[in-house]
């Protein structure tokens, strides 16, 4: 705000309609963006349109971010506070909670109790009739809006409505954008790739890492970049995208038997989610697999995660992916030594 006031009242910026009008550098950049956009649209048209090209668009986003992150790691792109000028004072808006609001568990319990009371008080017969009508409309391909309105009037919850849609249409899983095939961005990875090969030889199969995103967190960039770098380092990767349940992640681990499991949680719900994942891992006989966690995690919570058995905790300041890759190699190798 102060900076805006200084610019407005201590300079002549506001005396001009548009400082960039006629600026050759700006005009040149605009033309470059327009040309690139037209080229991309032609590519999408050639694929049959945006719907058919969803996988391509997602993969291009992931690739573009990989290239950007590589430039940040190399110092070619400066991000203040990340790879340059990292020293800073504590922010006035960040309190003892580390800037993360922790919801009282009683709030969840209260909401569940109110939902249970709502369901108990409604006409169960009317709900069953409304849900059946909704299901029939969806199966026949009819407009589901009238049936949805009647369901709402009967007291059907949004969760029950969505469950009927999933039962008829299935559950959509969007493309992850992470290809199983290595990219050509392997410069500077020779040492890590050699370490991965050596550990894989001792393991008797390719070093495998499973990356999961539990909960409702939809911020997938971090998980995608970890998966891409692990793949380019020669690891076998498993990544099924966002919004998985702890049960689904542990089931995938039981099926794939990875040497390391990584969780990406940026929703602030890392403590309850990791607690459930680790409990399910133990129940499934997978408690021996090292677990690493990345997210917006205060130091106090990092200590609590370590007490739960988490082997490594990463936060946004840990942007050097190669260091994380070497940690994975060390964890897999340590597990092998412990088994011996």
C-alpha atoms as a PDB file:
ATOM      1  CA  UNK A   1       0.000   0.000   0.000  1.00  0.00           C
ATOM      2  CA  UNK A   2       2.783   2.466   0.921  1.00  0.00           C
ATOM      3  CA  UNK A   3       4.586   1.721  -2.327  1.00  0.00           C
ATOM      4  CA  UNK A   4       1.399   2.389  -4.314  1.00  0.00           C
ATOM      5  CA  UNK A   5       0.907   5.707  -2.544  1.00  0.00           C
ATOM      6  CA  UNK A   6       4.477   6.785  -3.271  1.00  0.00           C
ATOM      7  CA  UNK A   7       4.176   5.896  -6.946  1.00  0.00           C
ATOM      8  CA  UNK A   8       0.810   7.635  -7.223  1.00  0.00           C
ATOM      9  CA  UNK A   9       1.626  10.868  -5.418  1.00  0.00           C
ATOM     10  CA  UNK A  10       5.402  11.268  -5.643  1.00  0.00           C
ATOM     11  CA  UNK A  11       5.820  10.415  -9.315  1.00  0.00           C
ATOM     12  CA  UNK A  12       4.145  11.353 -12.576  1.00  0.00           C
ATOM     13  CA  UNK A  13       3.036   7.809 -13.443  1.00  0.00           C
ATOM     14  CA  UNK A  14      -0.668   8.682 -13.305  1.00  0.00           C
ATOM     15  CA  UNK A  15      -0.243  11.527 -15.794  1.00  0.00           C
ATOM     16  CA  UNK A  16       0.073   9.027 -18.645  1.00  0.00           C
ATOM     17  CA  UNK A  17      -2.739   6.910 -20.106  1.00  0.00           C
ATOM     18  CA  UNK A  18      -0.530   3.880 -20.761  1.00  0.00           C
ATOM     19  CA  UNK A  19       3.203   3.749 -20.087  1.00  0.00           C
ATOM     20  CA  UNK A  20       3.533   0.696 -22.309  1.00  0.00           C
ATOM     21  CA  UNK A  21       1.643   2.015 -25.334  1.00  0.00           C
ATOM     22  CA  UNK A  22       3.987   1.980 -28.312  1.00  0.00           C
ATOM     23  CA  UNK A  23       6.797   0.398 -26.318  1.00  0.00           C
ATOM     24  CA  UNK A  24       8.703  -1.767 -28.852  1.00  0.00           C
ATOM     25  CA  UNK A  25       9.864  -4.244 -26.205  1.00  0.00           C
ATOM     26  CA  UNK A  26       6.311  -4.774 -24.947  1.00  0.00           C
ATOM     27  CA  UNK A  27       4.926  -4.993 -28.504  1.00  0.00           C
ATOM     28  CA  UNK A  28       7.551  -7.586 -29.411  1.00  0.00           C
ATOM     29  CA  UNK A  29       6.731  -9.693 -26.363  1.00  0.00           C
ATOM     30  CA  UNK A  30       3.005  -9.487 -27.092  1.00  0.00           C
ATOM     31  CA  UNK A  31       3.562 -10.709 -30.646  1.00  0.00           C
ATOM     32  CA  UNK A  32       5.680 -13.605 -29.366  1.00  0.00           C
ATOM     33  CA  UNK A  33       2.913 -14.630 -26.964  1.00  0.00           C
ATOM     34  CA  UNK A  34       0.277 -14.393 -29.685  1.00  0.00           C
ATOM     35  CA  UNK A  35       2.352 -16.485 -32.097  1.00  0.00           C
ATOM     36  CA  UNK A  36       2.993 -19.127 -29.441  1.00  0.00           C
ATOM     37  CA  UNK A  37      -0.674 -19.222 -28.510  1.00  0.00           C
ATOM     38  CA  UNK A  38      -1.771 -19.652 -32.124  1.00  0.00           C
ATOM     39  CA  UNK A  39       0.728 -22.465 -32.600  1.00  0.00           C
ATOM     40  CA  UNK A  40      -0.544 -24.226 -29.471  1.00  0.00           C
ATOM     41  CA  UNK A  41      -4.173 -23.839 -30.578  1.00  0.00           C
ATOM     42  CA  UNK A  42      -3.312 -25.336 -33.964  1.00  0.00           C
ATOM     43  CA  UNK A  43      -1.746 -28.299 -32.174  1.00  0.00           C
ATOM     44  CA  UNK A  44      -4.893 -28.806 -30.075  1.00  0.00           C
ATOM     45  CA  UNK A  45      -7.110 -28.539 -33.168  1.00  0.00           C
ATOM     46  CA  UNK A  46      -4.971 -31.198 -34.849  1.00  0.00           C
ATOM     47  CA  UNK A  47      -5.620 -33.516 -31.910  1.00  0.00           C
ATOM     48  CA  UNK A  48      -9.375 -33.112 -32.190  1.00  0.00           C
ATOM     49  CA  UNK A  49      -9.932 -30.313 -29.689  1.00  0.00           C
ATOM     50  CA  UNK A  50      -9.324 -29.574 -26.037  1.00  0.00           C
ATOM     51  CA  UNK A  51     -11.119 -32.630 -24.633  1.00  0.00           C
ATOM     52  CA  UNK A  52      -9.094 -35.034 -26.737  1.00  0.00           C
ATOM     53  CA  UNK A  53      -5.901 -33.156 -25.868  1.00  0.00           C
ATOM     54  CA  UNK A  54      -6.308 -33.071 -22.068  1.00  0.00           C
ATOM     55  CA  UNK A  55      -3.454 -35.532 -21.571  1.00  0.00           C
ATOM     56  CA  UNK A  56      -1.185 -33.546 -23.871  1.00  0.00           C
ATOM     57  CA  UNK A  57      -1.963 -30.242 -22.152  1.00  0.00           C
ATOM     58  CA  UNK A  58      -1.320 -31.682 -18.697  1.00  0.00           C
ATOM     59  CA  UNK A  59       1.984 -33.231 -19.775  1.00  0.00           C
ATOM     60  CA  UNK A  60       3.111 -29.944 -21.320  1.00  0.00           C
ATOM     61  CA  UNK A  61       2.335 -28.119 -18.068  1.00  0.00           C
ATOM     62  CA  UNK A  62       4.398 -30.648 -16.101  1.00  0.00           C
ATOM     63  CA  UNK A  63       7.274 -30.473 -18.601  1.00  0.00           C
ATOM     64  CA  UNK A  64       7.258 -26.678 -18.557  1.00  0.00           C
ATOM     65  CA  UNK A  65       7.394 -26.635 -14.773  1.00  0.00           C
ATOM     66  CA  UNK A  66      10.243 -29.162 -14.819  1.00  0.00           C
ATOM     67  CA  UNK A  67      12.234 -26.867 -17.084  1.00  0.00           C
ATOM     68  CA  UNK A  68      11.505 -23.875 -14.851  1.00  0.00           C
ATOM     69  CA  UNK A  69      12.529 -25.754 -11.704  1.00  0.00           C
ATOM     70  CA  UNK A  70      15.771 -26.871 -13.353  1.00  0.00           C
ATOM     71  CA  UNK A  71      16.597 -23.221 -14.090  1.00  0.00           C
ATOM     72  CA  UNK A  72      15.862 -22.297 -10.459  1.00  0.00           C
ATOM     73  CA  UNK A  73      18.116 -25.095  -9.197  1.00  0.00           C
ATOM     74  CA  UNK A  74      20.879 -23.960 -11.550  1.00  0.00           C
ATOM     75  CA  UNK A  75      20.492 -20.344 -10.450  1.00  0.00           C
ATOM     76  CA  UNK A  76      19.545 -19.233 -13.965  1.00  0.00           C
ATOM     77  CA  UNK A  77      16.122 -18.097 -12.725  1.00  0.00           C
ATOM     78  CA  UNK A  78      16.148 -16.098  -9.510  1.00  0.00           C
ATOM     79  CA  UNK A  79      13.339 -16.557  -6.990  1.00  0.00           C
ATOM     80  CA  UNK A  80      13.874 -14.176  -4.111  1.00  0.00           C
ATOM     81  CA  UNK A  81      13.763 -16.023  -0.812  1.00  0.00           C
ATOM     82  CA  UNK A  82      14.291 -19.409  -2.458  1.00  0.00           C
ATOM     83  CA  UNK A  83      17.621 -19.478  -4.288  1.00  0.00           C
ATOM     84  CA  UNK A  84      18.814 -15.943  -3.493  1.00  0.00           C
ATOM     85  CA  UNK A  85      18.441 -13.584  -0.536  1.00  0.00           C
ATOM     86  CA  UNK A  86      17.035 -16.318   1.638  1.00  0.00           C
ATOM     87  CA  UNK A  87      17.666 -14.459   4.904  1.00  0.00           C
ATOM     88  CA  UNK A  88      14.551 -12.777   6.276  1.00  0.00           C
ATOM     89  CA  UNK A  89      12.911 -11.517   9.417  1.00  0.00           C
ATOM     90  CA  UNK A  90       9.838 -13.192  10.832  1.00  0.00           C
ATOM     91  CA  UNK A  91       6.697 -11.908   9.140  1.00  0.00           C
ATOM     92  CA  UNK A  92       4.305  -9.842  11.288  1.00  0.00           C
ATOM     93  CA  UNK A  93       1.370 -11.977  10.125  1.00  0.00           C
ATOM     94  CA  UNK A  94       2.960 -15.267  11.186  1.00  0.00           C
ATOM     95  CA  UNK A  95       2.286 -16.160  14.795  1.00  0.00           C
ATOM     96  CA  UNK A  96       3.302 -19.086  16.956  1.00  0.00           C
ATOM     97  CA  UNK A  97       1.188 -21.374  14.790  1.00  0.00           C
ATOM     98  CA  UNK A  98       3.623 -20.903  11.907  1.00  0.00           C
ATOM     99  CA  UNK A  99       0.931 -19.347   9.759  1.00  0.00           C
ATOM    100  CA  UNK A 100      -1.141 -22.526   9.644  1.00  0.00           C
ATOM    101  CA  UNK A 101      -4.600 -22.542  11.169  1.00  0.00           C
ATOM    102  CA  UNK A 102      -5.288 -25.775  12.982  1.00  0.00           C
ATOM    103  CA  UNK A 103      -8.966 -26.623  13.118  1.00  0.00           C
ATOM    104  CA  UNK A 104     -10.273 -27.844  16.442  1.00  0.00           C
ATOM    105  CA  UNK A 105     -11.217 -31.545  16.077  1.00  0.00           C
ATOM    106  CA  UNK A 106     -14.414 -30.671  17.913  1.00  0.00           C
ATOM    107  CA  UNK A 107     -15.563 -28.715  14.863  1.00  0.00           C
ATOM    108  CA  UNK A 108     -15.450 -31.864  12.749  1.00  0.00           C
ATOM    109  CA  UNK A 109     -17.211 -33.890  15.426  1.00  0.00           C
ATOM    110  CA  UNK A 110     -19.929 -31.244  15.691  1.00  0.00           C
ATOM    111  CA  UNK A 111     -20.479 -31.211  11.935  1.00  0.00           C
ATOM    112  CA  UNK A 112     -20.720 -35.013  11.814  1.00  0.00           C
ATOM    113  CA  UNK A 113     -23.211 -34.980  14.680  1.00  0.00           C
ATOM    114  CA  UNK A 114     -25.374 -32.407  12.919  1.00  0.00           C
ATOM    115  CA  UNK A 115     -25.249 -34.434   9.690  1.00  0.00           C
ATOM    116  CA  UNK A 116     -26.284 -37.579  11.567  1.00  0.00           C
ATOM    117  CA  UNK A 117     -29.160 -35.659  13.167  1.00  0.00           C
ATOM    118  CA  UNK A 118     -30.262 -34.373   9.756  1.00  0.00           C
ATOM    119  CA  UNK A 119     -30.347 -37.870   8.330  1.00  0.00           C
ATOM    120  CA  UNK A 120     -32.199 -39.256  11.330  1.00  0.00           C
ATOM    121  CA  UNK A 121     -34.918 -36.581  11.108  1.00  0.00           C
ATOM    122  CA  UNK A 122     -35.685 -36.852   7.386  1.00  0.00           C
ATOM    123  CA  UNK A 123     -38.132 -39.238   5.707  1.00  0.00           C
ATOM    124  CA  UNK A 124     -35.979 -42.253   4.830  1.00  0.00           C
ATOM    125  CA  UNK A 125     -38.579 -43.563   2.394  1.00  0.00           C
ATOM    126  CA  UNK A 126     -38.704 -40.291   0.480  1.00  0.00           C
ATOM    127  CA  UNK A 127     -34.907 -40.238   0.322  1.00  0.00           C
ATOM    128  CA  UNK A 128     -34.781 -43.758  -1.107  1.00  0.00           C
ATOM    129  CA  UNK A 129     -37.382 -42.896  -3.764  1.00  0.00           C
ATOM    130  CA  UNK A 130     -35.533 -39.691  -4.701  1.00  0.00           C
ATOM    131  CA  UNK A 131     -32.181 -41.468  -4.989  1.00  0.00           C
ATOM    132  CA  UNK A 132     -33.707 -44.226  -7.138  1.00  0.00           C
ATOM    133  CA  UNK A 133     -35.199 -41.618  -9.473  1.00  0.00           C
ATOM    134  CA  UNK A 134     -31.872 -39.819  -9.683  1.00  0.00           C
ATOM    135  CA  UNK A 135     -30.050 -43.067 -10.449  1.00  0.00           C
ATOM    136  CA  UNK A 136     -32.548 -43.982 -13.163  1.00  0.00           C
ATOM    137  CA  UNK A 137     -32.304 -40.559 -14.819  1.00  0.00           C
ATOM    138  CA  UNK A 138     -28.509 -40.782 -14.852  1.00  0.00           C
ATOM    139  CA  UNK A 139     -28.514 -44.303 -16.308  1.00  0.00           C
ATOM    140  CA  UNK A 140     -30.956 -43.331 -19.053  1.00  0.00           C
ATOM    141  CA  UNK A 141     -28.997 -40.225 -19.969  1.00  0.00           C
ATOM    142  CA  UNK A 142     -31.866 -37.874 -19.115  1.00  0.00           C
ATOM    143  CA  UNK A 143     -31.571 -34.414 -17.632  1.00  0.00           C
ATOM    144  CA  UNK A 144     -30.781 -35.057 -13.959  1.00  0.00           C
ATOM    145  CA  UNK A 145     -31.714 -31.553 -12.766  1.00  0.00           C
ATOM    146  CA  UNK A 146     -35.391 -32.311 -11.982  1.00  0.00           C
ATOM    147  CA  UNK A 147     -34.433 -35.479 -10.108  1.00  0.00           C
ATOM    148  CA  UNK A 148     -31.657 -33.592  -8.291  1.00  0.00           C
ATOM    149  CA  UNK A 149     -34.110 -30.901  -7.148  1.00  0.00           C
ATOM    150  CA  UNK A 150     -36.497 -33.546  -5.827  1.00  0.00           C
ATOM    151  CA  UNK A 151     -33.578 -35.238  -4.066  1.00  0.00           C
ATOM    152  CA  UNK A 152     -32.657 -31.966  -2.378  1.00  0.00           C
ATOM    153  CA  UNK A 153     -36.251 -31.473  -1.250  1.00  0.00           C
ATOM    154  CA  UNK A 154     -36.239 -34.969   0.236  1.00  0.00           C
ATOM    155  CA  UNK A 155     -33.119 -34.142   2.233  1.00  0.00           C
ATOM    156  CA  UNK A 156     -30.508 -36.005   0.186  1.00  0.00           C
ATOM    157  CA  UNK A 157     -26.984 -34.798   1.005  1.00  0.00           C
ATOM    158  CA  UNK A 158     -24.463 -33.728  -1.617  1.00  0.00           C
ATOM    159  CA  UNK A 159     -22.345 -36.747  -0.722  1.00  0.00           C
ATOM    160  CA  UNK A 160     -25.225 -39.124  -1.365  1.00  0.00           C
ATOM    161  CA  UNK A 161     -25.996 -37.326  -4.640  1.00  0.00           C
ATOM    162  CA  UNK A 162     -22.367 -37.637  -5.760  1.00  0.00           C
ATOM    163  CA  UNK A 163     -22.245 -41.312  -4.814  1.00  0.00           C
ATOM    164  CA  UNK A 164     -25.143 -42.012  -7.191  1.00  0.00           C
ATOM    165  CA  UNK A 165     -23.276 -40.205  -9.992  1.00  0.00           C
ATOM    166  CA  UNK A 166     -20.137 -42.252  -9.304  1.00  0.00           C
ATOM    167  CA  UNK A 167     -22.156 -45.470  -9.275  1.00  0.00           C
ATOM    168  CA  UNK A 168     -23.506 -44.715 -12.750  1.00  0.00           C
ATOM    169  CA  UNK A 169     -20.649 -42.890 -14.452  1.00  0.00           C
ATOM    170  CA  UNK A 170     -17.623 -44.116 -12.528  1.00  0.00           C
ATOM    171  CA  UNK A 171     -14.914 -42.004 -10.907  1.00  0.00           C
ATOM    172  CA  UNK A 172     -12.938 -39.732 -13.230  1.00  0.00           C
ATOM    173  CA  UNK A 173      -9.189 -39.663 -12.691  1.00  0.00           C
ATOM    174  CA  UNK A 174      -7.507 -36.889 -14.650  1.00  0.00           C
ATOM    175  CA  UNK A 175      -4.153 -37.449 -16.375  1.00  0.00           C
ATOM    176  CA  UNK A 176      -1.131 -36.879 -14.143  1.00  0.00           C
ATOM    177  CA  UNK A 177       1.074 -35.495 -16.895  1.00  0.00           C
ATOM    178  CA  UNK A 178       3.918 -37.680 -15.614  1.00  0.00           C
ATOM    179  CA  UNK A 179       5.152 -40.060 -18.286  1.00  0.00           C
ATOM    180  CA  UNK A 180       6.792 -43.339 -17.338  1.00  0.00           C
ATOM    181  CA  UNK A 181       9.428 -42.725 -20.019  1.00  0.00           C
ATOM    182  CA  UNK A 182      12.482 -40.687 -18.943  1.00  0.00           C
ATOM    183  CA  UNK A 183      12.923 -37.237 -20.440  1.00  0.00           C
ATOM    184  CA  UNK A 184      16.083 -35.895 -22.036  1.00  0.00           C
ATOM    185  CA  UNK A 185      16.745 -33.646 -19.019  1.00  0.00           C
ATOM    186  CA  UNK A 186      19.434 -35.844 -17.462  1.00  0.00           C
ATOM    187  CA  UNK A 187      22.263 -33.310 -17.357  1.00  0.00           C
ATOM    188  CA  UNK A 188      23.849 -33.278 -13.915  1.00  0.00           C
ATOM    189  CA  UNK A 189      22.191 -36.528 -12.884  1.00  0.00           C
ATOM    190  CA  UNK A 190      25.053 -38.933 -13.657  1.00  0.00           C
ATOM    191  CA  UNK A 191      26.120 -39.364 -10.014  1.00  0.00           C
ATOM    192  CA  UNK A 192      22.567 -39.985  -8.810  1.00  0.00           C
ATOM    193  CA  UNK A 193      21.793 -42.349 -11.681  1.00  0.00           C
ATOM    194  CA  UNK A 194      24.918 -44.348 -10.849  1.00  0.00           C
ATOM    195  CA  UNK A 195      23.864 -44.516  -7.195  1.00  0.00           C
ATOM    196  CA  UNK A 196      20.360 -45.643  -8.212  1.00  0.00           C
ATOM    197  CA  UNK A 197      21.846 -48.368 -10.431  1.00  0.00           C
ATOM    198  CA  UNK A 198      24.130 -49.559  -7.630  1.00  0.00           C
ATOM    199  CA  UNK A 199      21.347 -49.750  -5.046  1.00  0.00           C
ATOM    200  CA  UNK A 200      18.995 -51.359  -7.573  1.00  0.00           C
ATOM    201  CA  UNK A 201      21.596 -54.060  -8.151  1.00  0.00           C
ATOM    202  CA  UNK A 202      21.774 -54.783  -4.438  1.00  0.00           C
ATOM    203  CA  UNK A 203      17.969 -54.730  -4.130  1.00  0.00           C
ATOM    204  CA  UNK A 204      17.587 -57.228  -6.951  1.00  0.00           C
ATOM    205  CA  UNK A 205      15.211 -54.954  -8.864  1.00  0.00           C
ATOM    206  CA  UNK A 206      14.866 -51.324  -9.867  1.00  0.00           C
ATOM    207  CA  UNK A 207      14.636 -48.921  -6.924  1.00  0.00           C
ATOM    208  CA  UNK A 208      10.941 -48.013  -6.708  1.00  0.00           C
ATOM    209  CA  UNK A 209       9.263 -45.012  -5.114  1.00  0.00           C
ATOM    210  CA  UNK A 210       5.520 -44.507  -4.637  1.00  0.00           C
ATOM    211  CA  UNK A 211       4.269 -40.914  -4.460  1.00  0.00           C
ATOM    212  CA  UNK A 212       0.840 -40.220  -3.034  1.00  0.00           C
ATOM    213  CA  UNK A 213      -1.301 -37.131  -2.511  1.00  0.00           C
ATOM    214  CA  UNK A 214      -3.849 -37.889   0.205  1.00  0.00           C
ATOM    215  CA  UNK A 215      -6.792 -35.698   1.123  1.00  0.00           C
ATOM    216  CA  UNK A 216      -8.475 -32.893  -0.784  1.00  0.00           C
ATOM    217  CA  UNK A 217      -5.256 -31.027  -1.603  1.00  0.00           C
ATOM    218  CA  UNK A 218      -5.223 -30.287  -5.336  1.00  0.00           C
ATOM    219  CA  UNK A 219      -1.780 -28.644  -5.541  1.00  0.00           C
ATOM    220  CA  UNK A 220       0.098 -31.271  -7.504  1.00  0.00           C
ATOM    221  CA  UNK A 221       3.217 -29.449  -8.774  1.00  0.00           C
ATOM    222  CA  UNK A 222       5.514 -30.726  -6.048  1.00  0.00           C
ATOM    223  CA  UNK A 223       4.459 -34.364  -6.345  1.00  0.00           C
ATOM    224  CA  UNK A 224       4.722 -34.210 -10.132  1.00  0.00           C
ATOM    225  CA  UNK A 225       8.233 -32.781 -10.068  1.00  0.00           C
ATOM    226  CA  UNK A 226       9.437 -35.332  -7.521  1.00  0.00           C
ATOM    227  CA  UNK A 227       8.013 -38.096  -9.717  1.00  0.00           C
ATOM    228  CA  UNK A 228       9.608 -36.687 -12.874  1.00  0.00           C
ATOM    229  CA  UNK A 229      13.026 -36.249 -11.271  1.00  0.00           C
ATOM    230  CA  UNK A 230      12.921 -39.719  -9.697  1.00  0.00           C
ATOM    231  CA  UNK A 231      12.048 -41.153 -13.110  1.00  0.00           C
ATOM    232  CA  UNK A 232      14.897 -39.279 -14.810  1.00  0.00           C
ATOM    233  CA  UNK A 233      17.262 -40.534 -12.105  1.00  0.00           C
ATOM    234  CA  UNK A 234      16.423 -44.094 -13.125  1.00  0.00           C
ATOM    235  CA  UNK A 235      13.907 -44.994 -10.431  1.00  0.00           C
ATOM    236  CA  UNK A 236      10.665 -46.840 -10.990  1.00  0.00           C
ATOM    237  CA  UNK A 237       7.864 -44.457 -10.087  1.00  0.00           C
ATOM    238  CA  UNK A 238       4.268 -44.858  -9.038  1.00  0.00           C
ATOM    239  CA  UNK A 239       2.075 -41.750  -9.064  1.00  0.00           C
ATOM    240  CA  UNK A 240      -1.694 -41.873  -9.497  1.00  0.00           C
ATOM    241  CA  UNK A 241      -2.534 -38.186  -9.115  1.00  0.00           C
ATOM    242  CA  UNK A 242      -4.347 -36.086  -6.554  1.00  0.00           C
ATOM    243  CA  UNK A 243      -7.053 -36.667  -3.953  1.00  0.00           C
ATOM    244  CA  UNK A 244      -6.338 -40.242  -2.946  1.00  0.00           C
ATOM    245  CA  UNK A 245      -7.457 -41.716   0.339  1.00  0.00           C
ATOM    246  CA  UNK A 246      -4.913 -43.182   2.781  1.00  0.00           C
ATOM    247  CA  UNK A 247      -6.552 -46.538   2.109  1.00  0.00           C
ATOM    248  CA  UNK A 248      -5.931 -46.219  -1.641  1.00  0.00           C
ATOM    249  CA  UNK A 249      -2.297 -45.193  -1.130  1.00  0.00           C
ATOM    250  CA  UNK A 250      -1.568 -48.122   1.182  1.00  0.00           C
ATOM    251  CA  UNK A 251      -3.338 -50.517  -1.195  1.00  0.00           C
ATOM    252  CA  UNK A 252      -1.111 -49.271  -4.014  1.00  0.00           C
ATOM    253  CA  UNK A 253       1.931 -49.784  -1.792  1.00  0.00           C
ATOM    254  CA  UNK A 254       0.864 -53.329  -0.987  1.00  0.00           C
ATOM    255  CA  UNK A 255       0.485 -54.051  -4.696  1.00  0.00           C
ATOM    256  CA  UNK A 256       3.661 -52.368  -5.963  1.00  0.00           C
ATOM    257  CA  UNK A 257       5.959 -52.974  -2.966  1.00  0.00           C
ATOM    258  CA  UNK A 258       7.981 -49.741  -3.311  1.00  0.00           C
ATOM    259  CA  UNK A 259      11.241 -49.220  -1.463  1.00  0.00           C
ATOM    260  CA  UNK A 260      10.255 -45.694  -0.375  1.00  0.00           C
ATOM    261  CA  UNK A 261       6.856 -43.970  -0.057  1.00  0.00           C
ATOM    262  CA  UNK A 262       6.502 -40.204  -0.389  1.00  0.00           C
ATOM    263  CA  UNK A 263       3.450 -38.150   0.581  1.00  0.00           C
ATOM    264  CA  UNK A 264       2.795 -34.620  -0.653  1.00  0.00           C
ATOM    265  CA  UNK A 265       0.373 -32.697   1.593  1.00  0.00           C
ATOM    266  CA  UNK A 266      -0.115 -28.961   1.121  1.00  0.00           C
ATOM    267  CA  UNK A 267      -3.508 -28.667   2.799  1.00  0.00           C
ATOM    268  CA  UNK A 268      -2.190 -28.339   6.351  1.00  0.00           C
ATOM    269  CA  UNK A 269      -3.751 -31.681   7.300  1.00  0.00           C
ATOM    270  CA  UNK A 270      -0.437 -33.529   7.349  1.00  0.00           C
ATOM    271  CA  UNK A 271      -0.701 -34.746  10.941  1.00  0.00           C
ATOM    272  CA  UNK A 272      -4.024 -36.658  10.760  1.00  0.00           C
ATOM    273  CA  UNK A 273      -3.332 -37.915   7.236  1.00  0.00           C
ATOM    274  CA  UNK A 274       0.149 -39.220   8.044  1.00  0.00           C
ATOM    275  CA  UNK A 275      -1.169 -40.758  11.252  1.00  0.00           C
ATOM    276  CA  UNK A 276      -3.765 -42.715   9.284  1.00  0.00           C
ATOM    277  CA  UNK A 277      -1.341 -43.699   6.520  1.00  0.00           C
ATOM    278  CA  UNK A 278       1.267 -45.005   8.975  1.00  0.00           C
ATOM    279  CA  UNK A 279      -1.389 -46.911  10.930  1.00  0.00           C
ATOM    280  CA  UNK A 280      -2.674 -48.549   7.749  1.00  0.00           C
ATOM    281  CA  UNK A 281       0.880 -49.329   6.645  1.00  0.00           C
ATOM    282  CA  UNK A 282       1.529 -51.184   9.888  1.00  0.00           C
ATOM    283  CA  UNK A 283      -1.746 -53.082   9.585  1.00  0.00           C
ATOM    284  CA  UNK A 284      -0.791 -54.113   6.030  1.00  0.00           C
ATOM    285  CA  UNK A 285       2.671 -55.258   7.107  1.00  0.00           C
ATOM    286  CA  UNK A 286       4.344 -52.332   5.328  1.00  0.00           C
ATOM    287  CA  UNK A 287       5.685 -50.521   8.376  1.00  0.00           C
ATOM    288  CA  UNK A 288       9.261 -51.289   7.296  1.00  0.00           C
ATOM    289  CA  UNK A 289       9.011 -49.070   4.183  1.00  0.00           C
ATOM    290  CA  UNK A 290      10.575 -45.625   4.750  1.00  0.00           C
ATOM    291  CA  UNK A 291       8.039 -42.793   4.543  1.00  0.00           C
ATOM    292  CA  UNK A 292       8.942 -39.225   3.555  1.00  0.00           C
ATOM    293  CA  UNK A 293       6.556 -36.254   3.636  1.00  0.00           C
ATOM    294  CA  UNK A 294       6.590 -32.893   1.887  1.00  0.00           C
ATOM    295  CA  UNK A 295       4.329 -29.896   2.459  1.00  0.00           C
ATOM    296  CA  UNK A 296       3.743 -26.656   4.323  1.00  0.00           C
ATOM    297  CA  UNK A 297       4.920 -28.085   7.631  1.00  0.00           C
ATOM    298  CA  UNK A 298       5.977 -26.050  10.709  1.00  0.00           C
ATOM    299  CA  UNK A 299       9.050 -27.255  12.618  1.00  0.00           C
ATOM    300  CA  UNK A 300       6.923 -28.363  15.563  1.00  0.00           C
ATOM    301  CA  UNK A 301       4.812 -30.546  13.291  1.00  0.00           C
ATOM    302  CA  UNK A 302       7.939 -31.918  11.611  1.00  0.00           C
ATOM    303  CA  UNK A 303       9.063 -33.188  15.005  1.00  0.00           C
ATOM    304  CA  UNK A 304       5.672 -34.827  15.557  1.00  0.00           C
ATOM    305  CA  UNK A 305       5.860 -36.480  12.129  1.00  0.00           C
ATOM    306  CA  UNK A 306       9.307 -37.819  12.967  1.00  0.00           C
ATOM    307  CA  UNK A 307       7.856 -39.284  16.153  1.00  0.00           C
ATOM    308  CA  UNK A 308       5.268 -41.081  14.001  1.00  0.00           C
ATOM    309  CA  UNK A 309       8.115 -42.721  12.082  1.00  0.00           C
ATOM    310  CA  UNK A 310       8.489 -40.348   9.115  1.00  0.00           C
ATOM    311  CA  UNK A 311      12.053 -40.629   7.823  1.00  0.00           C
ATOM    312  CA  UNK A 312      12.340 -37.203   6.151  1.00  0.00           C
ATOM    313  CA  UNK A 313      10.260 -34.012   6.100  1.00  0.00           C
ATOM    314  CA  UNK A 314      10.559 -31.504   3.259  1.00  0.00           C
ATOM    315  CA  UNK A 315       9.192 -27.976   3.028  1.00  0.00           C
ATOM    316  CA  UNK A 316       9.185 -25.389   0.198  1.00  0.00           C
ATOM    317  CA  UNK A 317      12.728 -24.325   1.099  1.00  0.00           C
ATOM    318  CA  UNK A 318      13.913 -27.786   0.004  1.00  0.00           C
ATOM    319  CA  UNK A 319      13.758 -26.940  -3.697  1.00  0.00           C
ATOM    320  CA  UNK A 320      16.936 -28.862  -4.627  1.00  0.00           C
ATOM    321  CA  UNK A 321      15.375 -32.031  -6.011  1.00  0.00           C
ATOM    322  CA  UNK A 322      18.687 -33.805  -6.518  1.00  0.00           C
ATOM    323  CA  UNK A 323      19.317 -33.685  -2.764  1.00  0.00           C
ATOM    324  CA  UNK A 324      15.912 -35.287  -2.203  1.00  0.00           C
ATOM    325  CA  UNK A 325      16.742 -37.964  -4.775  1.00  0.00           C
ATOM    326  CA  UNK A 326      19.939 -38.849  -2.922  1.00  0.00           C
ATOM    327  CA  UNK A 327      17.941 -39.053   0.310  1.00  0.00           C
ATOM    328  CA  UNK A 328      15.660 -41.606  -1.351  1.00  0.00           C
ATOM    329  CA  UNK A 329      18.664 -43.635  -2.484  1.00  0.00           C
ATOM    330  CA  UNK A 330      20.147 -43.562   1.027  1.00  0.00           C
ATOM    331  CA  UNK A 331      16.833 -44.575   2.621  1.00  0.00           C
ATOM    332  CA  UNK A 332      16.403 -47.513   0.246  1.00  0.00           C
ATOM    333  CA  UNK A 333      19.996 -48.607   0.825  1.00  0.00           C
ATOM    334  CA  UNK A 334      19.640 -48.272   4.606  1.00  0.00           C
ATOM    335  CA  UNK A 335      16.523 -50.426   4.522  1.00  0.00           C
ATOM    336  CA  UNK A 336      18.481 -53.077   2.635  1.00  0.00           C
ATOM    337  CA  UNK A 337      21.326 -52.976   5.169  1.00  0.00           C
ATOM    338  CA  UNK A 338      18.843 -53.258   8.044  1.00  0.00           C
ATOM    339  CA  UNK A 339      17.264 -56.320   6.404  1.00  0.00           C
ATOM    340  CA  UNK A 340      20.664 -57.945   6.078  1.00  0.00           C
END
